């Protein structure tokens, strides 16, 4: 008899409402708080949040409460389902650990740390759904996803350093100097932390540095997918798109260019771009 499997993913994955329906997944929301009011992906749009952030005094993000996972696990296991949970990188949030803790009370729950976020998680979700269709055993799928996560590169270009200061990831004096010198930062999400790979002056240099790092990281593999979630960073996106086409011959699908979730833009600030690269 075929196993019934439900896939649960957190809201930092940047799935659209149509995709949530199409892939038939359960979404556990992370929340954002702006000037004392709490929202999630259903109650404020990504664009509106960034516009609000410009004038807000305080804004922050929170991982899901453990009760949200327990509730979902109870519902699906009672209906006879096994559950695969995809969470954003444990280097960025406690969501993975919370999901693991919640899963200890149940049988048949498999929690995968995707080691990425936003559309990188969707690359893994599509792989997961494809393997479920092929009726591969759930334990094997989970192993495959953990392996596949190593083939996803997650970069973020940071235009202004203010939000890194607010999030406690950078000192005020560093940000002040950075602002005066027009310093831009290329970061990469590694196994356990978000690492600053390079600090350069100006947009074009930042994009050039990004391309060099992708080239180095590819190591003979080919590019399967690229996504450019961003926080209203049209100029950067245009530059990155044309460099990707010129250097790698890769044309980014317009559907893969969109305003990212507040879960990400809160920490990167406006004008940042996430570059998610799936290799094969």
C-alpha atoms as a PDB file:
ATOM      1  CA  UNK A   1       0.000   0.000   0.000  1.00  0.00           C
ATOM      2  CA  UNK A   2       1.238   3.475  -0.947  1.00  0.00           C
ATOM      3  CA  UNK A   3       2.332   5.641   1.960  1.00  0.00           C
ATOM      4  CA  UNK A   4       0.479   8.889   2.484  1.00  0.00           C
ATOM      5  CA  UNK A   5       2.970  11.727   2.843  1.00  0.00           C
ATOM      6  CA  UNK A   6       2.299  15.398   3.610  1.00  0.00           C
ATOM      7  CA  UNK A   7       4.947  18.029   2.963  1.00  0.00           C
ATOM      8  CA  UNK A   8       5.175  20.993   5.324  1.00  0.00           C
ATOM      9  CA  UNK A   9       7.348  24.028   4.578  1.00  0.00           C
ATOM     10  CA  UNK A  10       7.860  27.326   6.392  1.00  0.00           C
ATOM     11  CA  UNK A  11       6.792  30.684   4.986  1.00  0.00           C
ATOM     12  CA  UNK A  12      10.322  31.972   4.359  1.00  0.00           C
ATOM     13  CA  UNK A  13      10.227  29.763   1.229  1.00  0.00           C
ATOM     14  CA  UNK A  14       8.555  32.572  -0.777  1.00  0.00           C
ATOM     15  CA  UNK A  15       5.899  30.286  -2.262  1.00  0.00           C
ATOM     16  CA  UNK A  16       3.075  32.211  -3.925  1.00  0.00           C
ATOM     17  CA  UNK A  17      -0.532  31.468  -2.920  1.00  0.00           C
ATOM     18  CA  UNK A  18      -1.007  29.715  -6.279  1.00  0.00           C
ATOM     19  CA  UNK A  19       2.035  27.511  -5.675  1.00  0.00           C
ATOM     20  CA  UNK A  20       0.864  26.583  -2.168  1.00  0.00           C
ATOM     21  CA  UNK A  21      -2.333  25.297  -3.766  1.00  0.00           C
ATOM     22  CA  UNK A  22      -0.597  23.681  -6.742  1.00  0.00           C
ATOM     23  CA  UNK A  23       1.942  21.780  -4.626  1.00  0.00           C
ATOM     24  CA  UNK A  24      -0.653  21.050  -1.916  1.00  0.00           C
ATOM     25  CA  UNK A  25       1.751  21.869   0.929  1.00  0.00           C
ATOM     26  CA  UNK A  26       1.098  23.067   4.445  1.00  0.00           C
ATOM     27  CA  UNK A  27       2.834  26.368   5.264  1.00  0.00           C
ATOM     28  CA  UNK A  28       3.935  27.208   8.807  1.00  0.00           C
ATOM     29  CA  UNK A  29       4.266  30.990   9.113  1.00  0.00           C
ATOM     30  CA  UNK A  30       7.195  32.856  10.598  1.00  0.00           C
ATOM     31  CA  UNK A  31       5.981  36.240  11.848  1.00  0.00           C
ATOM     32  CA  UNK A  32       7.136  39.829  11.529  1.00  0.00           C
ATOM     33  CA  UNK A  33       6.537  42.650  13.909  1.00  0.00           C
ATOM     34  CA  UNK A  34       6.513  46.219  12.677  1.00  0.00           C
ATOM     35  CA  UNK A  35       5.968  49.059  15.172  1.00  0.00           C
ATOM     36  CA  UNK A  36       4.330  46.672  17.622  1.00  0.00           C
ATOM     37  CA  UNK A  37       1.898  44.983  15.208  1.00  0.00           C
ATOM     38  CA  UNK A  38       2.400  41.345  14.230  1.00  0.00           C
ATOM     39  CA  UNK A  39       1.908  40.066  10.680  1.00  0.00           C
ATOM     40  CA  UNK A  40       2.608  36.955   8.636  1.00  0.00           C
ATOM     41  CA  UNK A  41       2.701  36.137   4.906  1.00  0.00           C
ATOM     42  CA  UNK A  42      -1.116  36.193   4.734  1.00  0.00           C
ATOM     43  CA  UNK A  43      -1.636  39.608   6.332  1.00  0.00           C
ATOM     44  CA  UNK A  44       0.957  41.918   4.727  1.00  0.00           C
ATOM     45  CA  UNK A  45       2.413  41.860   1.210  1.00  0.00           C
ATOM     46  CA  UNK A  46       6.158  41.711   0.644  1.00  0.00           C
ATOM     47  CA  UNK A  47       6.235  45.091  -1.138  1.00  0.00           C
ATOM     48  CA  UNK A  48       4.081  46.815   1.455  1.00  0.00           C
ATOM     49  CA  UNK A  49       6.333  45.594   4.258  1.00  0.00           C
ATOM     50  CA  UNK A  50       9.453  47.123   2.671  1.00  0.00           C
ATOM     51  CA  UNK A  51       7.642  50.429   2.148  1.00  0.00           C
ATOM     52  CA  UNK A  52       6.537  50.374   5.805  1.00  0.00           C
ATOM     53  CA  UNK A  53      10.060  49.503   6.932  1.00  0.00           C
ATOM     54  CA  UNK A  54      11.371  52.823   5.515  1.00  0.00           C
ATOM     55  CA  UNK A  55       9.612  54.835   8.212  1.00  0.00           C
ATOM     56  CA  UNK A  56       9.139  52.262  10.989  1.00  0.00           C
ATOM     57  CA  UNK A  57      10.845  52.710  14.354  1.00  0.00           C
ATOM     58  CA  UNK A  58      11.041  48.989  15.080  1.00  0.00           C
ATOM     59  CA  UNK A  59      10.787  45.808  13.052  1.00  0.00           C
ATOM     60  CA  UNK A  60      11.757  42.236  13.800  1.00  0.00           C
ATOM     61  CA  UNK A  61      11.041  38.620  12.885  1.00  0.00           C
ATOM     62  CA  UNK A  62      10.073  35.576  14.968  1.00  0.00           C
ATOM     63  CA  UNK A  63      10.276  31.869  14.305  1.00  0.00           C
ATOM     64  CA  UNK A  64       7.050  29.859  14.590  1.00  0.00           C
ATOM     65  CA  UNK A  65       5.912  28.883  18.090  1.00  0.00           C
ATOM     66  CA  UNK A  66       6.392  25.166  18.763  1.00  0.00           C
ATOM     67  CA  UNK A  67       2.604  24.830  19.069  1.00  0.00           C
ATOM     68  CA  UNK A  68       2.197  25.567  15.350  1.00  0.00           C
ATOM     69  CA  UNK A  69       4.280  22.524  14.463  1.00  0.00           C
ATOM     70  CA  UNK A  70       2.652  20.302  17.089  1.00  0.00           C
ATOM     71  CA  UNK A  71      -0.799  21.270  15.775  1.00  0.00           C
ATOM     72  CA  UNK A  72       0.177  20.434  12.191  1.00  0.00           C
ATOM     73  CA  UNK A  73       1.880  17.165  13.164  1.00  0.00           C
ATOM     74  CA  UNK A  74      -1.149  16.096  15.207  1.00  0.00           C
ATOM     75  CA  UNK A  75      -3.524  16.824  12.350  1.00  0.00           C
ATOM     76  CA  UNK A  76      -1.603  14.908   9.667  1.00  0.00           C
ATOM     77  CA  UNK A  77      -0.423  11.921  11.740  1.00  0.00           C
ATOM     78  CA  UNK A  78      -3.998  11.387  12.986  1.00  0.00           C
ATOM     79  CA  UNK A  79      -5.064  11.144   9.344  1.00  0.00           C
ATOM     80  CA  UNK A  80      -2.428   8.473   8.757  1.00  0.00           C
ATOM     81  CA  UNK A  81       0.175  10.600   7.015  1.00  0.00           C
ATOM     82  CA  UNK A  82       3.926  10.598   7.370  1.00  0.00           C
ATOM     83  CA  UNK A  83       5.322  14.123   7.226  1.00  0.00           C
ATOM     84  CA  UNK A  84       8.372  15.720   5.574  1.00  0.00           C
ATOM     85  CA  UNK A  85       9.171  19.178   6.939  1.00  0.00           C
ATOM     86  CA  UNK A  86      11.410  21.600   5.034  1.00  0.00           C
ATOM     87  CA  UNK A  87      12.729  24.508   7.092  1.00  0.00           C
ATOM     88  CA  UNK A  88      14.991  27.436   6.322  1.00  0.00           C
ATOM     89  CA  UNK A  89      18.641  27.078   7.297  1.00  0.00           C
ATOM     90  CA  UNK A  90      19.326  26.515  10.986  1.00  0.00           C
ATOM     91  CA  UNK A  91      22.106  29.108  10.548  1.00  0.00           C
ATOM     92  CA  UNK A  92      19.429  31.808  10.097  1.00  0.00           C
ATOM     93  CA  UNK A  93      16.660  30.755  12.457  1.00  0.00           C
ATOM     94  CA  UNK A  94      15.681  28.427  15.285  1.00  0.00           C
ATOM     95  CA  UNK A  95      12.770  27.117  13.159  1.00  0.00           C
ATOM     96  CA  UNK A  96      14.542  23.835  12.319  1.00  0.00           C
ATOM     97  CA  UNK A  97      15.322  23.087  15.988  1.00  0.00           C
ATOM     98  CA  UNK A  98      11.753  23.955  16.992  1.00  0.00           C
ATOM     99  CA  UNK A  99      10.360  21.578  14.352  1.00  0.00           C
ATOM    100  CA  UNK A 100      12.724  18.796  15.481  1.00  0.00           C
ATOM    101  CA  UNK A 101      11.704  19.273  19.121  1.00  0.00           C
ATOM    102  CA  UNK A 102       8.002  19.191  18.167  1.00  0.00           C
ATOM    103  CA  UNK A 103       8.545  16.037  16.086  1.00  0.00           C
ATOM    104  CA  UNK A 104       9.864  14.040  19.055  1.00  0.00           C
ATOM    105  CA  UNK A 105       6.302  13.478  20.263  1.00  0.00           C
ATOM    106  CA  UNK A 106       5.278  11.792  17.006  1.00  0.00           C
ATOM    107  CA  UNK A 107       6.135   8.877  14.730  1.00  0.00           C
ATOM    108  CA  UNK A 108       6.895   9.336  11.049  1.00  0.00           C
ATOM    109  CA  UNK A 109       7.995  12.990  11.027  1.00  0.00           C
ATOM    110  CA  UNK A 110      11.148  13.831   9.046  1.00  0.00           C
ATOM    111  CA  UNK A 111      12.596  17.332   9.433  1.00  0.00           C
ATOM    112  CA  UNK A 112      15.055  18.560   6.801  1.00  0.00           C
ATOM    113  CA  UNK A 113      17.310  21.571   7.335  1.00  0.00           C
ATOM    114  CA  UNK A 114      17.432  22.920   3.767  1.00  0.00           C
ATOM    115  CA  UNK A 115      20.621  24.934   4.522  1.00  0.00           C
ATOM    116  CA  UNK A 116      19.079  27.702   2.405  1.00  0.00           C
ATOM    117  CA  UNK A 117      15.983  29.896   2.342  1.00  0.00           C
ATOM    118  CA  UNK A 118      13.468  31.524  -0.035  1.00  0.00           C
ATOM    119  CA  UNK A 119      13.490  29.827  -3.480  1.00  0.00           C
ATOM    120  CA  UNK A 120      16.367  27.534  -2.564  1.00  0.00           C
ATOM    121  CA  UNK A 121      13.771  25.774  -0.421  1.00  0.00           C
ATOM    122  CA  UNK A 122      11.430  25.563  -3.420  1.00  0.00           C
ATOM    123  CA  UNK A 123      14.156  23.867  -5.501  1.00  0.00           C
ATOM    124  CA  UNK A 124      14.229  21.176  -2.787  1.00  0.00           C
ATOM    125  CA  UNK A 125      10.435  21.078  -2.496  1.00  0.00           C
ATOM    126  CA  UNK A 126      10.086  20.331  -6.226  1.00  0.00           C
ATOM    127  CA  UNK A 127      12.679  17.582  -5.913  1.00  0.00           C
ATOM    128  CA  UNK A 128      10.819  16.160  -2.911  1.00  0.00           C
ATOM    129  CA  UNK A 129       7.463  16.120  -4.735  1.00  0.00           C
ATOM    130  CA  UNK A 130       9.032  14.557  -7.825  1.00  0.00           C
ATOM    131  CA  UNK A 131      10.568  11.735  -5.742  1.00  0.00           C
ATOM    132  CA  UNK A 132       7.260  11.181  -3.921  1.00  0.00           C
ATOM    133  CA  UNK A 133       5.583  10.771  -7.334  1.00  0.00           C
ATOM    134  CA  UNK A 134       8.189   8.164  -8.219  1.00  0.00           C
ATOM    135  CA  UNK A 135       7.159   6.345  -5.008  1.00  0.00           C
ATOM    136  CA  UNK A 136      10.679   6.405  -3.580  1.00  0.00           C
ATOM    137  CA  UNK A 137      10.808   5.444   0.100  1.00  0.00           C
ATOM    138  CA  UNK A 138      10.443   8.388   2.454  1.00  0.00           C
ATOM    139  CA  UNK A 139      13.740   7.690   4.295  1.00  0.00           C
ATOM    140  CA  UNK A 140      15.597   7.681   0.956  1.00  0.00           C
ATOM    141  CA  UNK A 141      13.908  10.922  -0.151  1.00  0.00           C
ATOM    142  CA  UNK A 142      14.977  12.642   3.061  1.00  0.00           C
ATOM    143  CA  UNK A 143      18.577  11.463   2.588  1.00  0.00           C
ATOM    144  CA  UNK A 144      18.514  12.616  -1.039  1.00  0.00           C
ATOM    145  CA  UNK A 145      17.206  16.065  -0.044  1.00  0.00           C
ATOM    146  CA  UNK A 146      19.951  16.523   2.553  1.00  0.00           C
ATOM    147  CA  UNK A 147      22.497  15.595  -0.106  1.00  0.00           C
ATOM    148  CA  UNK A 148      20.879  17.837  -2.701  1.00  0.00           C
ATOM    149  CA  UNK A 149      20.938  20.795  -0.302  1.00  0.00           C
ATOM    150  CA  UNK A 150      24.736  20.808  -0.783  1.00  0.00           C
ATOM    151  CA  UNK A 151      24.161  21.706  -4.462  1.00  0.00           C
ATOM    152  CA  UNK A 152      22.308  24.928  -3.667  1.00  0.00           C
ATOM    153  CA  UNK A 153      24.361  28.103  -3.408  1.00  0.00           C
ATOM    154  CA  UNK A 154      22.789  30.952  -1.426  1.00  0.00           C
ATOM    155  CA  UNK A 155      24.267  34.433  -1.855  1.00  0.00           C
ATOM    156  CA  UNK A 156      22.939  37.803  -0.727  1.00  0.00           C
ATOM    157  CA  UNK A 157      24.170  41.179  -1.960  1.00  0.00           C
ATOM    158  CA  UNK A 158      23.780  43.853   0.711  1.00  0.00           C
ATOM    159  CA  UNK A 159      23.494  47.449  -0.485  1.00  0.00           C
ATOM    160  CA  UNK A 160      23.174  49.287   2.846  1.00  0.00           C
ATOM    161  CA  UNK A 161      24.463  48.025   6.151  1.00  0.00           C
ATOM    162  CA  UNK A 162      21.812  49.596   8.454  1.00  0.00           C
ATOM    163  CA  UNK A 163      19.644  46.487   8.880  1.00  0.00           C
ATOM    164  CA  UNK A 164      22.642  44.324   9.715  1.00  0.00           C
ATOM    165  CA  UNK A 165      23.307  46.778  12.568  1.00  0.00           C
ATOM    166  CA  UNK A 166      19.687  46.603  13.780  1.00  0.00           C
ATOM    167  CA  UNK A 167      19.843  42.819  13.676  1.00  0.00           C
ATOM    168  CA  UNK A 168      23.041  42.864  15.746  1.00  0.00           C
ATOM    169  CA  UNK A 169      25.180  41.472  12.915  1.00  0.00           C
ATOM    170  CA  UNK A 170      27.340  44.602  12.492  1.00  0.00           C
ATOM    171  CA  UNK A 171      28.485  47.504  14.672  1.00  0.00           C
ATOM    172  CA  UNK A 172      27.213  51.068  14.071  1.00  0.00           C
ATOM    173  CA  UNK A 173      30.705  52.379  13.401  1.00  0.00           C
ATOM    174  CA  UNK A 174      31.329  49.713  10.731  1.00  0.00           C
ATOM    175  CA  UNK A 175      28.047  50.633   9.046  1.00  0.00           C
ATOM    176  CA  UNK A 176      28.819  54.353   9.184  1.00  0.00           C
ATOM    177  CA  UNK A 177      32.218  53.870   7.565  1.00  0.00           C
ATOM    178  CA  UNK A 178      30.657  51.480   5.043  1.00  0.00           C
ATOM    179  CA  UNK A 179      28.022  54.062   4.099  1.00  0.00           C
ATOM    180  CA  UNK A 180      30.578  56.840   3.639  1.00  0.00           C
ATOM    181  CA  UNK A 181      32.758  54.682   1.421  1.00  0.00           C
ATOM    182  CA  UNK A 182      29.824  53.288  -0.621  1.00  0.00           C
ATOM    183  CA  UNK A 183      30.738  49.820   0.652  1.00  0.00           C
ATOM    184  CA  UNK A 184      28.610  46.925  -0.582  1.00  0.00           C
ATOM    185  CA  UNK A 185      28.811  43.438   0.893  1.00  0.00           C
ATOM    186  CA  UNK A 186      28.518  40.030  -0.751  1.00  0.00           C
ATOM    187  CA  UNK A 187      27.446  37.377   1.742  1.00  0.00           C
ATOM    188  CA  UNK A 188      26.979  33.629   1.409  1.00  0.00           C
ATOM    189  CA  UNK A 189      24.951  31.325   3.579  1.00  0.00           C
ATOM    190  CA  UNK A 190      27.305  28.577   4.694  1.00  0.00           C
ATOM    191  CA  UNK A 191      26.646  25.493   6.826  1.00  0.00           C
ATOM    192  CA  UNK A 192      26.486  27.310  10.176  1.00  0.00           C
ATOM    193  CA  UNK A 193      26.478  31.065   9.454  1.00  0.00           C
ATOM    194  CA  UNK A 194      25.997  33.891   6.988  1.00  0.00           C
ATOM    195  CA  UNK A 195      29.534  34.807   5.932  1.00  0.00           C
ATOM    196  CA  UNK A 196      30.713  38.116   4.417  1.00  0.00           C
ATOM    197  CA  UNK A 197      32.684  36.930   1.363  1.00  0.00           C
ATOM    198  CA  UNK A 198      33.670  40.338   0.078  1.00  0.00           C
ATOM    199  CA  UNK A 199      33.320  44.055   0.711  1.00  0.00           C
ATOM    200  CA  UNK A 200      33.610  46.230  -2.387  1.00  0.00           C
ATOM    201  CA  UNK A 201      32.867  49.785  -3.489  1.00  0.00           C
ATOM    202  CA  UNK A 202      29.955  50.295  -5.868  1.00  0.00           C
ATOM    203  CA  UNK A 203      27.230  48.197  -7.482  1.00  0.00           C
ATOM    204  CA  UNK A 204      29.096  46.981 -10.554  1.00  0.00           C
ATOM    205  CA  UNK A 205      32.003  45.680  -8.500  1.00  0.00           C
ATOM    206  CA  UNK A 206      29.572  43.866  -6.224  1.00  0.00           C
ATOM    207  CA  UNK A 207      27.919  42.112  -9.161  1.00  0.00           C
ATOM    208  CA  UNK A 208      31.305  41.274 -10.691  1.00  0.00           C
ATOM    209  CA  UNK A 209      32.467  39.746  -7.386  1.00  0.00           C
ATOM    210  CA  UNK A 210      29.252  37.702  -7.159  1.00  0.00           C
ATOM    211  CA  UNK A 211      29.794  36.233 -10.643  1.00  0.00           C
ATOM    212  CA  UNK A 212      33.389  35.318  -9.777  1.00  0.00           C
ATOM    213  CA  UNK A 213      32.251  33.496  -6.651  1.00  0.00           C
ATOM    214  CA  UNK A 214      29.568  31.550  -8.556  1.00  0.00           C
ATOM    215  CA  UNK A 215      32.149  30.586 -11.166  1.00  0.00           C
ATOM    216  CA  UNK A 216      34.517  29.348  -8.466  1.00  0.00           C
ATOM    217  CA  UNK A 217      31.796  27.425  -6.593  1.00  0.00           C
ATOM    218  CA  UNK A 218      30.425  25.695  -9.711  1.00  0.00           C
ATOM    219  CA  UNK A 219      33.453  23.380  -9.977  1.00  0.00           C
ATOM    220  CA  UNK A 220      32.501  21.965 -13.343  1.00  0.00           C
ATOM    221  CA  UNK A 221      28.818  21.451 -12.475  1.00  0.00           C
ATOM    222  CA  UNK A 222      26.098  22.967 -14.628  1.00  0.00           C
ATOM    223  CA  UNK A 223      23.460  25.471 -13.516  1.00  0.00           C
ATOM    224  CA  UNK A 224      19.974  23.987 -13.253  1.00  0.00           C
ATOM    225  CA  UNK A 225      18.075  26.925 -11.729  1.00  0.00           C
ATOM    226  CA  UNK A 226      18.677  30.492 -10.606  1.00  0.00           C
ATOM    227  CA  UNK A 227      16.269  32.644  -8.630  1.00  0.00           C
ATOM    228  CA  UNK A 228      16.632  36.337  -7.717  1.00  0.00           C
ATOM    229  CA  UNK A 229      14.343  37.230  -4.787  1.00  0.00           C
ATOM    230  CA  UNK A 230      15.049  40.821  -3.814  1.00  0.00           C
ATOM    231  CA  UNK A 231      13.973  43.728  -1.651  1.00  0.00           C
ATOM    232  CA  UNK A 232      12.978  46.228  -4.377  1.00  0.00           C
ATOM    233  CA  UNK A 233      16.417  46.115  -6.031  1.00  0.00           C
ATOM    234  CA  UNK A 234      15.573  46.523  -9.725  1.00  0.00           C
ATOM    235  CA  UNK A 235      18.901  48.055 -10.749  1.00  0.00           C
ATOM    236  CA  UNK A 236      20.913  45.250  -9.146  1.00  0.00           C
ATOM    237  CA  UNK A 237      18.635  42.593 -10.602  1.00  0.00           C
ATOM    238  CA  UNK A 238      19.126  44.003 -14.117  1.00  0.00           C
ATOM    239  CA  UNK A 239      22.912  44.013 -13.683  1.00  0.00           C
ATOM    240  CA  UNK A 240      22.990  40.487 -12.219  1.00  0.00           C
ATOM    241  CA  UNK A 241      20.663  39.114 -14.922  1.00  0.00           C
ATOM    242  CA  UNK A 242      22.784  40.417 -17.764  1.00  0.00           C
ATOM    243  CA  UNK A 243      26.046  39.172 -16.173  1.00  0.00           C
ATOM    244  CA  UNK A 244      24.561  35.707 -15.614  1.00  0.00           C
ATOM    245  CA  UNK A 245      23.533  35.574 -19.254  1.00  0.00           C
ATOM    246  CA  UNK A 246      26.860  36.867 -20.518  1.00  0.00           C
ATOM    247  CA  UNK A 247      29.108  34.664 -18.387  1.00  0.00           C
ATOM    248  CA  UNK A 248      27.052  31.466 -18.006  1.00  0.00           C
ATOM    249  CA  UNK A 249      24.564  31.762 -20.878  1.00  0.00           C
ATOM    250  CA  UNK A 250      21.800  31.438 -18.256  1.00  0.00           C
ATOM    251  CA  UNK A 251      18.587  33.435 -18.711  1.00  0.00           C
ATOM    252  CA  UNK A 252      16.692  33.910 -15.430  1.00  0.00           C
ATOM    253  CA  UNK A 253      12.973  33.147 -15.736  1.00  0.00           C
ATOM    254  CA  UNK A 254      10.881  36.258 -14.943  1.00  0.00           C
ATOM    255  CA  UNK A 255       8.843  34.185 -12.462  1.00  0.00           C
ATOM    256  CA  UNK A 256      12.035  33.754 -10.452  1.00  0.00           C
ATOM    257  CA  UNK A 257      12.425  37.529  -9.957  1.00  0.00           C
ATOM    258  CA  UNK A 258      10.175  38.913  -7.226  1.00  0.00           C
ATOM    259  CA  UNK A 259      10.063  40.825  -3.943  1.00  0.00           C
ATOM    260  CA  UNK A 260      11.177  38.543  -1.150  1.00  0.00           C
ATOM    261  CA  UNK A 261       9.478  37.763   2.150  1.00  0.00           C
ATOM    262  CA  UNK A 262       9.777  40.215   5.093  1.00  0.00           C
ATOM    263  CA  UNK A 263      11.514  37.372   6.959  1.00  0.00           C
ATOM    264  CA  UNK A 264      14.512  38.048   4.707  1.00  0.00           C
ATOM    265  CA  UNK A 265      14.175  41.774   3.911  1.00  0.00           C
ATOM    266  CA  UNK A 266      14.059  42.646   7.632  1.00  0.00           C
ATOM    267  CA  UNK A 267      17.661  41.485   7.949  1.00  0.00           C
ATOM    268  CA  UNK A 268      19.075  42.476   4.557  1.00  0.00           C
ATOM    269  CA  UNK A 269      17.420  45.889   4.249  1.00  0.00           C
ATOM    270  CA  UNK A 270      16.085  47.405   1.051  1.00  0.00           C
ATOM    271  CA  UNK A 271      17.910  47.010  -2.269  1.00  0.00           C
ATOM    272  CA  UNK A 272      19.353  43.585  -1.420  1.00  0.00           C
ATOM    273  CA  UNK A 273      19.272  40.601  -3.802  1.00  0.00           C
ATOM    274  CA  UNK A 274      19.265  36.907  -2.963  1.00  0.00           C
ATOM    275  CA  UNK A 275      20.956  34.770  -5.597  1.00  0.00           C
ATOM    276  CA  UNK A 276      19.880  31.140  -5.297  1.00  0.00           C
ATOM    277  CA  UNK A 277      21.772  28.816  -7.619  1.00  0.00           C
ATOM    278  CA  UNK A 278      20.909  25.140  -8.012  1.00  0.00           C
ATOM    279  CA  UNK A 279      23.723  23.095  -9.515  1.00  0.00           C
ATOM    280  CA  UNK A 280      23.605  19.607 -11.019  1.00  0.00           C
END
